[in-house]
């Protein structure tokens, strides 16, 4: 049941407050309006408007204790922003030159920039993600929910054990005796382990 945009988790032992799925749906609709590709605004204006909305939205819903519905939103918002930028690079020549300027090899820039796929599909392509990394949006002062959310996972994290879960010997795996030269000093990788 929803109350003021919030609901409770189904756990009987440890119920937590979480954001209702209808609230997430409304949030996504508003983000779609802000990041619409037909609005004709610069990426800085879009990010400023998005920051204002997200900070106000999080100011209201920050009492939530379950974050599993919020974590996928970050990737989705950045993908929307990549689609906006791809749309703004209108023609092929601009797309290819911008990709090459941002470190993509010429061959990949040509195949990506001359693609006939739409902006939403292209925002997921590897070379567009390399050209427009998360750090690029941070440099434009985009405040993601990642900075607001705590680092604690919602579920137990499984750690990898040496030789698998079944065990085996506890010896460290053999490392090759490779040397590394840092600032004129010679180090061995086995030194670090």
Protein backbone atom coordinates (compact mmCIF):
# COMPACT_ATOMS: atom_id res chain seq x y z
CA UNK A 1 0.00 0.00 0.00
CA UNK A 2 1.17 3.45 -0.88
CA UNK A 3 1.20 6.38 1.53
CA UNK A 4 2.75 9.74 0.53
CA UNK A 5 4.71 8.01 -2.22
CA UNK A 6 6.28 5.47 0.13
CA UNK A 7 5.56 1.88 1.08
CA UNK A 8 7.05 -0.88 3.23
CA UNK A 9 9.08 -3.90 2.20
CA UNK A 10 7.51 -7.36 2.57
CA UNK A 11 9.90 -8.55 5.28
CA UNK A 12 8.15 -9.45 8.54
CA UNK A 13 11.34 -9.50 10.60
CA UNK A 14 12.86 -6.27 9.37
CA UNK A 15 10.46 -4.13 7.31
CA UNK A 16 11.98 -1.08 5.65
CA UNK A 17 10.61 2.07 4.10
CA UNK A 18 10.98 2.16 0.35
CA UNK A 19 9.83 4.31 -2.53
CA UNK A 20 6.67 3.06 -4.22
CA UNK A 21 6.94 1.96 -7.85
CA UNK A 22 4.38 4.58 -8.92
CA UNK A 23 6.62 7.29 -7.48
CA UNK A 24 9.55 5.92 -9.49
CA UNK A 25 7.32 5.93 -12.57
CA UNK A 26 6.44 9.62 -12.02
CA UNK A 27 10.11 10.44 -11.44
CA UNK A 28 11.05 8.80 -14.74
CA UNK A 29 8.28 10.67 -16.58
CA UNK A 30 9.59 13.99 -15.25
CA UNK A 31 13.19 13.11 -16.15
CA UNK A 32 11.96 12.21 -19.66
CA UNK A 33 10.39 15.69 -19.92
CA UNK A 34 13.60 17.39 -18.76
CA UNK A 35 15.87 15.33 -21.04
CA UNK A 36 13.59 15.42 -24.07
CA UNK A 37 15.66 15.65 -27.24
CA UNK A 38 13.23 18.02 -28.96
CA UNK A 39 13.60 20.88 -26.47
CA UNK A 40 16.63 22.55 -28.09
CA UNK A 41 18.62 23.27 -24.94
CA UNK A 42 22.33 22.92 -24.23
CA UNK A 43 23.49 19.98 -22.16
CA UNK A 44 24.50 22.32 -19.31
CA UNK A 45 20.97 23.76 -19.13
CA UNK A 46 19.51 20.23 -19.11
CA UNK A 47 21.87 19.12 -16.33
CA UNK A 48 21.14 22.24 -14.24
CA UNK A 49 17.39 21.63 -14.48
CA UNK A 50 17.89 17.95 -13.73
CA UNK A 51 20.02 18.74 -10.66
CA UNK A 52 17.37 21.07 -9.25
CA UNK A 53 14.63 18.48 -9.73
CA UNK A 54 16.65 15.55 -8.38
CA UNK A 55 17.83 17.40 -5.28
CA UNK A 56 14.29 18.46 -4.42
CA UNK A 57 12.95 14.97 -5.11
CA UNK A 58 15.62 13.34 -2.96
CA UNK A 59 15.03 15.91 -0.21
CA UNK A 60 11.50 14.54 0.13
CA UNK A 61 12.24 10.80 -0.32
CA UNK A 62 15.52 10.52 1.56
CA UNK A 63 13.86 8.76 4.52
CA UNK A 64 13.78 5.62 2.40
CA UNK A 65 15.80 2.66 3.72
CA UNK A 66 15.70 0.39 0.67
CA UNK A 67 17.68 1.58 -2.34
CA UNK A 68 17.29 -1.26 -4.84
CA UNK A 69 14.83 0.76 -6.96
CA UNK A 70 17.11 3.80 -7.06
CA UNK A 71 20.41 2.28 -8.17
CA UNK A 72 19.35 1.44 -11.78
CA UNK A 73 18.05 5.00 -12.22
CA UNK A 74 21.59 6.42 -12.36
CA UNK A 75 22.56 4.39 -15.42
CA UNK A 76 19.25 5.22 -17.05
CA UNK A 77 19.66 8.99 -16.47
CA UNK A 78 23.21 9.01 -17.84
CA UNK A 79 22.01 7.08 -20.87
CA UNK A 80 19.31 9.73 -21.42
CA UNK A 81 22.00 12.43 -21.27
CA UNK A 82 24.17 10.54 -23.77
CA UNK A 83 21.17 10.35 -26.12
CA UNK A 84 20.67 14.12 -25.80
CA UNK A 85 24.29 14.79 -26.71
CA UNK A 86 24.17 12.31 -29.62
CA UNK A 87 21.11 14.10 -30.98
CA UNK A 88 22.87 17.47 -30.66
CA UNK A 89 25.78 16.21 -32.76
CA UNK A 90 23.31 16.18 -35.67
CA UNK A 91 25.27 15.11 -38.75
CA UNK A 92 27.73 12.30 -39.34
CA UNK A 93 30.79 14.48 -39.77
CA UNK A 94 30.25 16.11 -36.39
CA UNK A 95 29.68 12.76 -34.70
CA UNK A 96 32.83 11.23 -36.16
CA UNK A 97 34.98 14.27 -35.30
CA UNK A 98 33.60 14.47 -31.74
CA UNK A 99 34.21 10.74 -31.15
CA UNK A 100 37.77 11.02 -32.46
CA UNK A 101 38.39 14.15 -30.39
CA UNK A 102 37.33 12.23 -27.28
CA UNK A 103 39.74 9.34 -27.82
CA UNK A 104 37.90 6.83 -30.03
CA UNK A 105 39.96 5.33 -32.86
CA UNK A 106 39.13 6.51 -36.36
CA UNK A 107 37.79 3.13 -37.56
CA UNK A 108 35.38 2.83 -34.64
CA UNK A 109 34.45 6.51 -34.84
CA UNK A 110 33.50 6.10 -38.51
CA UNK A 111 31.37 3.00 -37.97
CA UNK A 112 29.69 4.51 -34.91
CA UNK A 113 29.24 8.03 -36.27
CA UNK A 114 27.81 6.82 -39.60
CA UNK A 115 25.37 4.42 -37.96
CA UNK A 116 21.70 4.83 -38.85
CA UNK A 117 20.45 3.83 -35.43
CA UNK A 118 18.55 6.31 -33.28
CA UNK A 119 19.93 8.30 -30.33
CA UNK A 120 18.52 5.99 -27.64
CA UNK A 121 20.06 2.92 -29.25
CA UNK A 122 23.38 4.68 -29.83
CA UNK A 123 23.59 5.85 -26.21
CA UNK A 124 24.32 2.24 -25.22
CA UNK A 125 27.09 1.65 -27.78
CA UNK A 126 30.54 0.97 -26.32
CA UNK A 127 32.30 3.75 -28.24
CA UNK A 128 29.76 6.39 -27.21
CA UNK A 129 30.21 5.31 -23.59
CA UNK A 130 33.98 5.65 -23.97
CA UNK A 131 33.62 9.11 -25.53
CA UNK A 132 31.09 10.25 -22.90
CA UNK A 133 32.08 8.54 -19.63
CA UNK A 134 30.50 9.20 -16.25
CA UNK A 135 33.41 11.54 -15.44
CA UNK A 136 32.35 13.80 -18.31
CA UNK A 137 28.95 14.37 -16.71
CA UNK A 138 30.61 14.97 -13.34
CA UNK A 139 32.72 17.67 -14.99
CA UNK A 140 29.47 19.33 -16.10
CA UNK A 141 28.40 19.39 -12.41
CA UNK A 142 25.81 16.63 -12.72
CA UNK A 143 24.99 15.51 -9.16
CA UNK A 144 24.06 11.84 -9.41
CA UNK A 145 22.11 9.90 -6.83
CA UNK A 146 25.26 7.77 -6.37
CA UNK A 147 26.75 10.52 -4.22
CA UNK A 148 23.64 10.64 -2.06
CA UNK A 149 23.03 6.91 -1.66
CA UNK A 150 24.97 5.01 0.99
CA UNK A 151 27.58 2.50 -0.17
CA UNK A 152 26.00 -0.39 1.71
CA UNK A 153 24.48 -3.06 -0.51
CA UNK A 154 20.91 -4.20 0.10
CA UNK A 155 21.80 -7.86 0.18
CA UNK A 156 24.67 -9.95 1.40
CA UNK A 157 27.64 -9.79 -0.92
CA UNK A 158 29.23 -13.09 -1.88
CA UNK A 159 32.99 -13.01 -1.79
CA UNK A 160 35.18 -15.20 -3.94
CA UNK A 161 37.26 -17.74 -2.09
CA UNK A 162 40.58 -19.16 -3.10
CA UNK A 163 40.06 -22.41 -5.07
CA UNK A 164 36.28 -21.90 -5.09
CA UNK A 165 33.69 -22.51 -2.41
CA UNK A 166 34.73 -26.14 -1.93
CA UNK A 167 38.08 -25.12 -0.56
CA UNK A 168 41.25 -26.85 -1.63
CA UNK A 169 44.69 -25.84 -0.56
CA UNK A 170 45.15 -22.38 0.92
CA UNK A 171 48.33 -21.67 -0.99
CA UNK A 172 48.47 -18.49 -2.97
CA UNK A 173 48.31 -18.98 -6.73
CA UNK A 174 51.68 -18.83 -8.46
CA UNK A 175 52.48 -15.42 -9.86
CA UNK A 176 55.00 -14.96 -12.63
CA UNK A 177 58.22 -13.34 -11.57
CA UNK A 178 57.69 -10.16 -13.59
CA UNK A 179 59.57 -7.03 -12.77
CA UNK A 180 58.16 -3.55 -12.85
CA UNK A 181 60.21 -0.40 -13.11
CA UNK A 182 58.73 2.63 -11.33
CA UNK A 183 60.71 5.87 -11.26
CA UNK A 184 64.03 4.12 -11.75
CA UNK A 185 63.46 1.44 -9.07
CA UNK A 186 63.00 -2.22 -9.92
CA UNK A 187 60.06 -3.98 -8.24
CA UNK A 188 58.84 -7.54 -8.53
CA UNK A 189 55.12 -8.34 -8.64
CA UNK A 190 55.76 -11.07 -6.09
CA UNK A 191 56.93 -8.29 -3.76
CA UNK A 192 53.39 -6.84 -3.65
CA UNK A 193 51.67 -10.13 -2.85
